Amino acid sequence: MKLPRDLSGEALVKHLCKRWEYTKIHQVGSHIILQTEKPSSHRIAVPAHSPLRIGTLNAILASVAAHKNVAKEEILQGI
């Protein structure tokens, strides 16, 4: 799977909130803190950078995929 090279942090936050049941808790500097309670509590920080660096994007996707028990490719669908 090739990760998108032009994805901004804000676009990823909107997608995770809309489709993956995350809510924006607060923002500390340039990092947006998201949290979900389904299937259990999980909190992640997403940098509000444009574009996100590939390693950062990959780490965020891996964390969400492991928590939601889905593939990383499935999380990127619809962005």
N, C-alpha and C. Protein backbone atom coordinates (compact mmCIF):
# COMPACT_ATOMS: atom_id res chain seq x y z
N MET A 1 0.85 -1.18 0.00
CA MET A 1 0.00 0.00 0.00
C MET A 1 0.89 1.23 0.00
N LYS A 2 0.62 2.16 -0.90
CA LYS A 2 1.36 3.41 -0.96
C LYS A 2 0.57 4.47 -0.19
N LEU A 3 1.22 5.11 0.77
CA LEU A 3 0.55 6.13 1.57
C LEU A 3 0.48 7.44 0.80
N PRO A 4 -0.58 8.21 1.01
CA PRO A 4 -0.68 9.51 0.32
C PRO A 4 0.39 10.47 0.82
N ARG A 5 0.99 11.20 -0.10
CA ARG A 5 2.09 12.11 0.24
C ARG A 5 1.60 13.53 0.53
N ASP A 6 0.33 13.81 0.28
CA ASP A 6 -0.17 15.18 0.41
C ASP A 6 -1.28 15.32 1.45
N LEU A 7 -1.38 14.38 2.38
CA LEU A 7 -2.44 14.38 3.37
C LEU A 7 -2.06 15.29 4.54
N SER A 8 -2.96 16.21 4.88
CA SER A 8 -2.70 17.11 6.00
C SER A 8 -3.22 16.49 7.29
N GLY A 9 -2.72 16.99 8.40
CA GLY A 9 -3.16 16.52 9.70
C GLY A 9 -4.63 16.81 9.94
N GLU A 10 -5.09 17.99 9.52
CA GLU A 10 -6.50 18.35 9.70
C GLU A 10 -7.42 17.43 8.90
N ALA A 11 -7.02 17.06 7.69
CA ALA A 11 -7.83 16.16 6.87
C ALA A 11 -7.92 14.78 7.52
N LEU A 12 -6.81 14.31 8.08
CA LEU A 12 -6.82 13.01 8.76
C LEU A 12 -7.71 13.06 10.00
N VAL A 13 -7.65 14.14 10.75
CA VAL A 13 -8.49 14.30 11.94
C VAL A 13 -9.97 14.27 11.56
N LYS A 14 -10.35 15.00 10.53
CA LYS A 14 -11.75 15.02 10.08
C LYS A 14 -12.21 13.62 9.70
N HIS A 15 -11.36 12.88 8.99
CA HIS A 15 -11.71 11.53 8.56
C HIS A 15 -11.86 10.58 9.75
N LEU A 16 -10.93 10.65 10.70
CA LEU A 16 -11.00 9.77 11.86
C LEU A 16 -12.22 10.08 12.72
N CYS A 17 -12.58 11.36 12.82
CA CYS A 17 -13.76 11.74 13.60
C CYS A 17 -15.05 11.31 12.91
N LYS A 18 -15.10 11.49 11.61
CA LYS A 18 -16.33 11.19 10.86
C LYS A 18 -16.58 9.69 10.71
N ARG A 19 -15.54 8.95 10.37
CA ARG A 19 -15.74 7.55 10.02
C ARG A 19 -15.35 6.55 11.10
N TRP A 20 -14.41 6.92 11.98
CA TRP A 20 -13.86 5.95 12.92
C TRP A 20 -14.20 6.27 14.38
N GLU A 21 -15.17 7.12 14.63
CA GLU A 21 -15.72 7.41 15.96
C GLU A 21 -14.72 8.00 16.94
N TYR A 22 -13.78 8.80 16.44
CA TYR A 22 -12.88 9.55 17.31
C TYR A 22 -13.49 10.92 17.55
N THR A 23 -13.18 11.52 18.68
CA THR A 23 -13.62 12.88 18.97
C THR A 23 -12.39 13.72 19.31
N LYS A 24 -12.44 14.99 18.91
CA LYS A 24 -11.35 15.90 19.20
C LYS A 24 -11.49 16.35 20.65
N ILE A 25 -10.49 16.05 21.46
CA ILE A 25 -10.50 16.39 22.87
C ILE A 25 -9.98 17.81 23.07
N HIS A 26 -8.79 18.10 22.57
CA HIS A 26 -8.21 19.43 22.64
C HIS A 26 -6.99 19.49 21.74
N GLN A 27 -6.36 20.66 21.71
CA GLN A 27 -5.18 20.84 20.90
C GLN A 27 -4.08 21.45 21.76
N VAL A 28 -2.90 20.87 21.69
CA VAL A 28 -1.75 21.37 22.41
C VAL A 28 -0.71 21.80 21.37
N GLY A 29 -0.55 23.09 21.19
CA GLY A 29 0.37 23.59 20.16
C GLY A 29 -0.12 23.16 18.79
N SER A 30 0.71 22.43 18.07
CA SER A 30 0.32 21.99 16.73
C SER A 30 -0.16 20.55 16.73
N HIS A 31 -0.45 19.97 17.89
CA HIS A 31 -0.91 18.59 17.96
C HIS A 31 -2.35 18.51 18.42
N ILE A 32 -3.16 17.83 17.63
CA ILE A 32 -4.58 17.64 17.93
C ILE A 32 -4.73 16.30 18.63
N ILE A 33 -5.37 16.30 19.79
CA ILE A 33 -5.55 15.09 20.58
C ILE A 33 -6.93 14.51 20.30
N LEU A 34 -6.97 13.25 19.86
CA LEU A 34 -8.21 12.55 19.56
C LEU A 34 -8.39 11.39 20.53
N GLN A 35 -9.66 11.08 20.80
CA GLN A 35 -9.95 9.96 21.70
C GLN A 35 -11.18 9.23 21.22
N THR A 36 -11.19 7.92 21.44
CA THR A 36 -12.36 7.09 21.16
C THR A 36 -12.61 6.19 22.36
N GLU A 37 -13.83 5.75 22.50
CA GLU A 37 -14.19 4.81 23.57
C GLU A 37 -14.63 3.47 23.00
N LYS A 38 -14.57 3.32 21.67
CA LYS A 38 -15.02 2.08 21.02
C LYS A 38 -13.86 1.42 20.31
N PRO A 39 -13.53 0.20 20.54
CA PRO A 39 -14.10 -0.74 21.50
C PRO A 39 -13.62 -0.51 22.93
N SER A 40 -12.53 0.24 23.10
CA SER A 40 -12.07 0.63 24.44
C SER A 40 -11.44 2.02 24.30
N SER A 41 -10.97 2.56 25.40
CA SER A 41 -10.40 3.90 25.37
C SER A 41 -9.07 3.91 24.61
N HIS A 42 -8.92 4.86 23.71
CA HIS A 42 -7.70 5.00 22.91
C HIS A 42 -7.51 6.48 22.60
N ARG A 43 -6.31 6.99 22.85
CA ARG A 43 -6.02 8.40 22.63
C ARG A 43 -4.80 8.51 21.73
N ILE A 44 -4.87 9.40 20.73
CA ILE A 44 -3.75 9.62 19.83
C ILE A 44 -3.55 11.11 19.61
N ALA A 45 -2.34 11.47 19.24
CA ALA A 45 -2.01 12.86 18.90
C ALA A 45 -1.69 12.92 17.42
N VAL A 46 -2.34 13.86 16.72
CA VAL A 46 -2.12 14.04 15.29
C VAL A 46 -1.55 15.43 15.08
N PRO A 47 -0.35 15.55 14.48
CA PRO A 47 0.19 16.88 14.22
C PRO A 47 -0.65 17.61 13.18
N ALA A 48 -0.87 18.89 13.39
CA ALA A 48 -1.65 19.69 12.46
C ALA A 48 -0.73 20.25 11.38
N HIS A 49 0.07 19.40 10.78
CA HIS A 49 1.01 19.79 9.74
C HIS A 49 0.44 19.48 8.37
N SER A 50 0.94 20.20 7.37
CA SER A 50 0.52 19.93 6.01
C SER A 50 1.74 19.94 5.11
N PRO A 51 2.10 18.84 4.52
CA PRO A 51 1.55 17.50 4.67
C PRO A 51 2.17 16.79 5.87
N LEU A 52 1.52 15.69 6.28
CA LEU A 52 2.08 14.84 7.33
C LEU A 52 3.27 14.08 6.76
N ARG A 53 4.28 13.88 7.57
CA ARG A 53 5.42 13.08 7.13
C ARG A 53 4.97 11.62 7.04
N ILE A 54 5.59 10.88 6.15
CA ILE A 54 5.17 9.51 5.87
C ILE A 54 5.30 8.61 7.10
N GLY A 55 6.38 8.72 7.83
CA GLY A 55 6.57 7.90 9.02
C GLY A 55 5.54 8.22 10.09
N THR A 56 5.21 9.49 10.25
CA THR A 56 4.20 9.91 11.22
C THR A 56 2.84 9.37 10.83
N LEU A 57 2.48 9.51 9.56
CA LEU A 57 1.20 9.00 9.06
C LEU A 57 1.12 7.50 9.25
N ASN A 58 2.19 6.80 8.93
CA ASN A 58 2.21 5.35 9.07
C ASN A 58 2.03 4.93 10.53
N ALA A 59 2.66 5.63 11.46
CA ALA A 59 2.54 5.30 12.88
C ALA A 59 1.12 5.54 13.39
N ILE A 60 0.49 6.64 12.96
CA ILE A 60 -0.89 6.93 13.36
C ILE A 60 -1.83 5.87 12.81
N LEU A 61 -1.67 5.53 11.55
CA LEU A 61 -2.53 4.51 10.93
C LEU A 61 -2.34 3.15 11.60
N ALA A 62 -1.10 2.80 11.93
CA ALA A 62 -0.83 1.52 12.60
C ALA A 62 -1.50 1.48 13.97
N SER A 63 -1.45 2.59 14.69
CA SER A 63 -2.06 2.64 16.02
C SER A 63 -3.58 2.51 15.94
N VAL A 64 -4.19 3.24 15.02
CA VAL A 64 -5.66 3.17 14.86
C VAL A 64 -6.07 1.79 14.36
N ALA A 65 -5.32 1.24 13.40
CA ALA A 65 -5.66 -0.08 12.85
C ALA A 65 -5.57 -1.16 13.92
N ALA A 66 -4.55 -1.09 14.76
CA ALA A 66 -4.41 -2.10 15.82
C ALA A 66 -5.54 -1.99 16.83
N HIS A 67 -5.93 -0.76 17.16
CA HIS A 67 -7.00 -0.56 18.14
C HIS A 67 -8.36 -0.98 17.59
N LYS A 68 -8.63 -0.65 16.34
CA LYS A 68 -9.93 -0.97 15.73
C LYS A 68 -9.95 -2.36 15.10
N ASN A 69 -8.79 -3.05 15.08
CA ASN A 69 -8.67 -4.40 14.54
C ASN A 69 -9.05 -4.47 13.06
N VAL A 70 -8.51 -3.52 12.28
CA VAL A 70 -8.71 -3.48 10.83
C VAL A 70 -7.35 -3.26 10.16
N ALA A 71 -7.33 -3.34 8.85
CA ALA A 71 -6.10 -3.08 8.10
C ALA A 71 -5.90 -1.58 7.89
N LYS A 72 -4.64 -1.17 7.75
CA LYS A 72 -4.36 0.25 7.52
C LYS A 72 -5.01 0.76 6.24
N GLU A 73 -5.09 -0.10 5.23
CA GLU A 73 -5.69 0.30 3.96
C GLU A 73 -7.15 0.67 4.15
N GLU A 74 -7.84 -0.04 5.05
CA GLU A 74 -9.26 0.22 5.28
C GLU A 74 -9.46 1.60 5.93
N ILE A 75 -8.54 2.01 6.75
CA ILE A 75 -8.66 3.32 7.40
C ILE A 75 -8.52 4.44 6.37
N LEU A 76 -7.67 4.25 5.38
CA LEU A 76 -7.45 5.29 4.38
C LEU A 76 -8.57 5.41 3.35
N GLN A 77 -9.44 4.44 3.27
CA GLN A 77 -10.52 4.49 2.27
C GLN A 77 -11.43 5.67 2.56
N GLY A 78 -11.72 6.44 1.55
CA GLY A 78 -12.66 7.54 1.69
C GLY A 78 -12.04 8.89 2.00
N ILE A 79 -10.71 8.92 2.08
CA ILE A 79 -10.07 10.23 2.32
C ILE A 79 -9.95 10.96 1.01
